[in-house]
Protein backbone atom coordinates (compact mmCIF):
# COMPACT_ATOMS: atom_id res chain seq x y z
CA MET A 1 84.44 -77.70 -47.49
CA GLN A 2 82.09 -75.76 -44.79
CA TYR A 3 81.81 -78.03 -41.89
CA ASN A 4 78.27 -79.19 -40.40
CA LEU A 5 76.83 -82.54 -38.81
CA GLU A 6 76.60 -84.17 -42.14
CA THR A 7 80.62 -84.91 -42.35
CA PHE A 8 80.10 -87.19 -39.13
CA PHE A 9 76.86 -88.85 -40.56
CA SER A 10 78.59 -89.34 -44.28
CA LEU A 11 81.48 -91.66 -42.02
CA LEU A 12 78.27 -94.04 -40.89
CA ILE A 13 76.77 -94.84 -43.72
CA ARG A 14 78.97 -98.49 -44.02
CA MET A 15 77.97 -98.88 -39.99
CA PRO A 16 74.21 -100.66 -39.70
CA ASP A 17 73.51 -100.58 -36.49
CA ILE A 18 74.12 -96.79 -35.90
CA PHE A 19 71.26 -93.95 -36.86
CA ARG A 20 71.26 -90.76 -37.69
CA THR A 21 69.25 -88.72 -35.40
CA SER A 22 68.34 -84.88 -36.52
CA TYR A 23 67.81 -82.15 -34.09
CA SER A 24 66.25 -79.59 -34.39
CA VAL A 25 68.32 -77.02 -32.61
CA LYS A 26 71.20 -76.56 -35.78
CA LYS A 27 74.70 -74.83 -35.15
CA GLN A 28 73.40 -71.51 -36.66
CA PHE A 29 71.25 -71.01 -33.80
CA ARG A 30 73.62 -71.60 -30.95
CA GLU A 31 76.33 -69.17 -32.86
CA LYS A 32 73.24 -67.11 -32.84
CA GLN A 33 72.62 -67.37 -29.22
CA LYS A 34 76.61 -67.09 -28.78
CA ASN A 35 76.79 -64.21 -30.97
CA GLN A 36 79.71 -65.71 -32.02
CA LYS A 37 81.30 -68.23 -34.81
CA GLY A 38 81.90 -71.84 -33.99
CA VAL A 39 85.66 -72.70 -34.56
CA VAL A 40 88.54 -74.63 -33.75
CA LEU A 41 91.93 -72.86 -33.36
CA TRP A 42 94.52 -75.64 -33.91
CA PHE A 43 97.71 -74.93 -31.91
CA THR A 44 100.97 -77.28 -33.16
CA GLY A 45 104.36 -77.12 -32.16
CA PHE A 46 107.06 -78.65 -29.92
CA SER A 47 106.21 -79.54 -25.88
CA GLY A 48 107.58 -76.55 -24.34
CA ALA A 49 107.31 -73.74 -27.47
CA GLY A 50 104.27 -72.25 -25.62
CA LYS A 51 101.26 -73.43 -26.57
CA THR A 52 98.75 -74.17 -23.80
CA THR A 53 100.57 -71.05 -22.20
CA ILE A 54 99.47 -68.64 -25.22
CA ALA A 55 96.27 -70.39 -24.94
CA ASN A 56 95.63 -69.69 -21.75
CA GLU A 57 96.17 -65.76 -22.63
CA LEU A 58 94.14 -66.39 -24.84
CA ASP A 59 91.00 -67.28 -23.27
CA GLN A 60 90.94 -64.30 -21.01
CA LEU A 61 90.97 -62.34 -23.68
CA LEU A 62 87.72 -64.33 -25.29
CA ILE A 63 86.08 -64.57 -22.06
CA ALA A 64 86.66 -60.55 -21.32
CA ASN A 65 85.57 -60.27 -24.48
CA ASN A 66 81.72 -61.75 -23.71
CA ASN A 67 82.90 -64.50 -26.02
CA HIS A 68 83.01 -68.29 -24.95
CA SER A 69 86.18 -70.59 -25.38
CA TYR A 70 87.50 -73.92 -24.30
CA ILE A 71 90.86 -75.11 -24.19
CA LEU A 72 91.14 -78.62 -25.15
CA ASP A 73 94.75 -79.96 -23.48
CA GLY A 74 96.46 -82.54 -24.71
CA ASP A 75 97.91 -83.22 -21.59
CA ILE A 76 94.81 -83.70 -20.13
CA PHE A 77 93.04 -85.60 -23.18
CA ARG A 78 95.96 -87.79 -22.18
CA SER A 79 94.73 -88.78 -18.82
CA GLY A 80 91.62 -89.35 -19.72
CA LEU A 81 90.05 -90.27 -22.80
CA SER A 82 93.61 -91.86 -24.77
CA LEU A 83 95.04 -92.94 -21.64
CA ASP A 84 95.27 -96.50 -23.43
CA LEU A 85 97.42 -94.80 -25.95
CA SER A 86 101.10 -94.86 -25.80
CA PHE A 87 103.58 -92.72 -28.23
CA THR A 88 103.97 -94.78 -31.22
CA LYS A 89 103.44 -93.15 -34.28
CA ASN A 90 99.87 -95.22 -34.43
CA ASP A 91 99.02 -94.13 -31.58
CA ARG A 92 99.47 -90.47 -31.92
CA GLU A 93 96.91 -90.82 -35.02
CA GLU A 94 94.60 -92.26 -33.01
CA ASN A 95 94.98 -89.53 -30.36
CA LEU A 96 94.78 -86.64 -33.20
CA ARG A 97 91.46 -89.01 -34.72
CA ARG A 98 90.05 -88.68 -31.42
CA ILE A 99 90.96 -85.12 -30.70
CA LYS A 100 89.65 -83.89 -34.03
CA TYR A 101 85.88 -85.14 -33.60
CA VAL A 102 86.02 -83.51 -30.38
CA ALA A 103 87.44 -80.54 -31.68
CA ALA A 104 84.43 -80.52 -34.35
CA MET A 105 81.53 -81.00 -31.96
CA PHE A 106 82.96 -78.12 -29.49
CA CYS A 107 82.85 -75.83 -32.87
CA ASP A 108 79.48 -77.33 -33.81
CA ALA A 109 77.94 -76.18 -30.55
CA GLY A 110 79.19 -72.77 -31.94
CA ILE A 111 81.96 -72.78 -29.31
CA ILE A 112 85.53 -71.11 -30.32
CA ALA A 113 87.95 -74.48 -29.55
CA LEU A 114 91.86 -74.13 -28.81
CA VAL A 115 93.22 -77.56 -29.75
CA THR A 116 96.84 -77.52 -28.12
CA PHE A 117 98.35 -80.69 -29.18
CA ILE A 118 101.73 -81.38 -30.41
CA SER A 119 100.37 -82.69 -33.57
CA PRO A 120 103.86 -83.52 -34.96
CA PHE A 121 103.00 -85.03 -38.70
CA GLN A 122 100.81 -82.80 -41.56
CA ALA A 123 99.04 -85.90 -42.58
CA ASP A 124 97.31 -85.96 -39.63
CA ARG A 125 96.82 -82.28 -39.14
CA GLN A 126 95.43 -82.22 -42.97
CA LYS A 127 93.14 -84.97 -41.58
CA ALA A 128 91.92 -82.21 -39.07
CA ARG A 129 91.49 -79.42 -41.93
CA ASP A 130 89.86 -81.54 -43.76
CA LEU A 131 87.29 -82.37 -41.67
CA LEU A 132 86.50 -78.89 -40.15
CA GLY A 133 86.58 -77.13 -43.31
CA GLU A 134 86.93 -73.27 -43.00
CA ASN A 135 86.50 -73.33 -39.40
CA TYR A 136 89.60 -74.72 -38.57
CA ILE A 137 92.76 -72.58 -38.35
CA GLU A 138 96.02 -73.76 -37.80
CA VAL A 139 98.65 -71.83 -35.07
CA PHE A 140 102.12 -72.80 -35.51
CA VAL A 141 104.14 -71.97 -32.73
CA LYS A 142 107.20 -71.62 -33.62
CA THR A 143 110.29 -71.99 -31.74
CA SER A 144 113.94 -74.12 -32.04
CA LEU A 145 114.27 -77.39 -30.89
CA GLU A 146 117.44 -75.84 -29.33
CA THR A 147 114.96 -73.49 -27.08
CA SER A 148 112.16 -76.02 -26.75
CA GLU A 149 115.12 -78.30 -25.05
CA LYS A 150 115.93 -75.10 -22.80
CA ARG A 151 112.92 -74.55 -21.70
CA ASP A 152 111.86 -77.72 -20.66
CA PRO A 153 109.57 -76.38 -18.15
CA LYS A 154 108.23 -80.32 -17.97
CA GLY A 155 111.80 -81.96 -17.43
CA LEU A 156 110.54 -84.36 -20.47
CA TYR A 157 113.26 -83.50 -22.84
CA LYS A 158 116.09 -84.68 -20.43
CA LYS A 159 113.91 -87.87 -19.83
CA ALA A 160 113.83 -88.46 -23.32
CA ARG A 161 117.80 -87.55 -23.72
CA ARG A 162 118.20 -90.23 -20.97
CA GLY A 163 116.15 -92.81 -22.87
CA GLU A 164 113.23 -92.61 -19.79
CA ILE A 165 111.22 -91.57 -22.98
CA LYS A 166 110.78 -93.40 -26.48
CA ASN A 167 108.91 -91.83 -29.17
CA PHE A 168 110.13 -87.90 -28.16
CA THR A 169 109.10 -85.70 -30.60
CA GLY A 170 112.54 -83.55 -31.61
CA ILE A 171 114.40 -86.22 -30.19
CA ASP A 172 113.73 -89.77 -31.41
CA SER A 173 110.11 -88.76 -33.18
CA PRO A 174 109.75 -86.04 -36.12
CA TYR A 175 108.19 -82.87 -36.12
CA GLU A 176 106.76 -82.00 -39.35
CA GLU A 177 106.22 -78.01 -39.18
CA PRO A 178 102.81 -77.09 -41.09
CA GLN A 179 102.90 -75.97 -45.18
CA SER A 180 100.75 -72.84 -44.89
CA PRO A 181 99.37 -72.19 -41.45
CA GLU A 182 96.41 -69.29 -40.79
CA ILE A 183 99.00 -68.61 -38.31
CA ILE A 184 102.77 -68.17 -37.14
CA LEU A 185 103.81 -67.24 -33.81
CA ASP A 186 107.04 -66.66 -33.16
CA THR A 187 107.88 -67.40 -29.66
CA GLU A 188 111.57 -66.41 -29.13
CA GLN A 189 110.76 -63.21 -30.00
CA PHE A 190 107.11 -62.36 -28.35
CA SER A 191 105.21 -62.57 -25.34
CA ALA A 192 102.84 -65.20 -24.25
CA ALA A 193 100.58 -61.87 -24.31
CA GLU A 194 101.78 -60.47 -27.26
CA CYS A 195 100.99 -64.02 -29.27
CA ALA A 196 97.53 -64.03 -28.00
CA LEU A 197 96.55 -60.52 -28.73
CA LYS A 198 98.14 -61.69 -32.68
CA ILE A 199 95.39 -64.44 -32.76
CA PHE A 200 92.69 -62.72 -30.65
CA ASN A 201 93.19 -59.44 -33.46
CA TYR A 202 93.04 -61.92 -36.25
CA LEU A 203 89.71 -63.57 -35.06
CA LYS A 204 88.41 -59.88 -35.18
CA GLN A 205 90.16 -59.25 -38.97
CA VAL A 206 89.57 -62.02 -41.33
CA LYS A 207 86.43 -62.36 -43.09
CA LYS A 208 85.02 -65.88 -44.33
CA ASN A 209 81.57 -67.08 -44.34
CA HIS A 210 79.72 -64.53 -46.08
CA ASN A 211 82.20 -61.54 -45.57
CA SER A 212 81.47 -61.91 -41.56
CA SER A 213 84.32 -62.26 -38.82
CA HIS A 214 84.73 -65.69 -37.34
CA LEU A 215 84.49 -63.46 -34.40
CA CYS A 216 81.58 -61.36 -33.63
CA PHE A 217 81.13 -58.76 -31.25
CA THR A 218 78.20 -58.18 -28.97
CA LYS A 219 76.72 -55.13 -28.87
CA ASN A 220 77.26 -53.93 -25.11
CA ASN A 221 81.12 -54.63 -25.27
CA ASN A 222 81.69 -51.59 -27.27
CA LYS A 223 79.47 -49.61 -29.18
CA SER A 224 82.01 -49.37 -32.35
CA GLY A 225 82.03 -53.13 -32.31
CA ILE A 226 85.78 -52.66 -31.65
CA ILE A 227 88.00 -53.57 -28.59
CA ASN A 228 90.65 -51.40 -27.74
CA SER A 229 93.91 -53.66 -27.42
CA ASP A 230 95.47 -51.57 -24.35
CA LYS A 231 91.79 -51.92 -22.64
CA ILE A 232 91.73 -55.41 -22.96
CA LEU A 233 96.06 -55.97 -21.60
CA LYS A 234 95.31 -53.54 -18.57
CA LEU A 235 91.99 -55.98 -17.77
CA LEU A 236 94.60 -58.78 -17.87
CA ASN A 237 97.05 -57.06 -15.62
CA GLU A 238 94.76 -56.22 -13.52
CA GLN A 239 93.45 -59.75 -13.17
CA ASN A 240 97.45 -61.22 -13.14
CA ILE A 241 97.48 -58.66 -9.84
CA ARG A 242 94.71 -60.28 -8.09
CA ASP A 243 96.01 -63.44 -9.11
CA ARG A 244 99.55 -62.72 -7.34
CA LYS A 245 97.39 -61.05 -4.09
CA SER A 246 95.93 -64.59 -4.12
CA THR A 247 98.56 -66.64 -4.34
CA ARG A 248 100.02 -65.08 -1.24
CA LEU A 249 96.92 -66.35 0.57
CA ASN A 250 97.10 -69.82 -1.17
CA SER A 251 100.31 -71.13 -2.33
CA SER A 252 99.34 -73.66 -4.54
CA HIS A 253 97.38 -70.74 -6.86
CA ARG A 254 99.50 -70.42 -10.13
CA CYS A 255 99.77 -66.71 -11.39
CA ILE A 256 99.58 -65.70 -14.84
CA SER A 257 102.57 -65.12 -16.77
CA TYR A 258 103.66 -62.32 -19.21
CA ALA A 259 106.59 -62.70 -19.39
CA VAL A 260 108.53 -64.02 -22.54
CA PHE A 261 108.75 -67.88 -22.45
């Protein structure tokens, strides 16, 4: 199924007071403007697996390549659009119902959306895939529960073990591993930068929609149409050095990390 706004409007036919507006600017025009295809990279995995860290690295690769991308972060989403939801199974389902439609609108705008939600249940991820069709790319950020709990960057596992957080994925709420994700990232073996580069290369190579790549490279980036990975990593490392210099001036600034999680 190819995603388009028809998917949205088909859900409105039973709502008599909501009317469809036919807009002049279509998805293909926005994609042509940005010289890329709108897609949704759906990162799933335990808390502490590295979803947001990898998405942050990938975002920089895409920006360095003159692409248009945006991270839809689970914590930020819950602090705003899903502020009213808890972590019960029903509320988790509602949270993912909301984000899949937000991601679909980003996709329709021709943007590469990076969704970083635990999204523990297969059924919810399948609903997102059904909505987005071939524009849905599932990224399984794979790590063991033991490793994720050992990392515990936000201290959430400790709170869950003490009973201060209920329905915490991996502790008292299950995580269902993806059955056939497009990309698997082993964050126990590879660094954030390496994982991001794997996704970047996937976007370059995958062929869909009449034999065209998801990631359309602008001609002014590279005459051959291919970006040298080493060149991009060098660019990111230079950015890392600049960030570290900036950190000395502003202690509140967070450095970009290229170490293994």
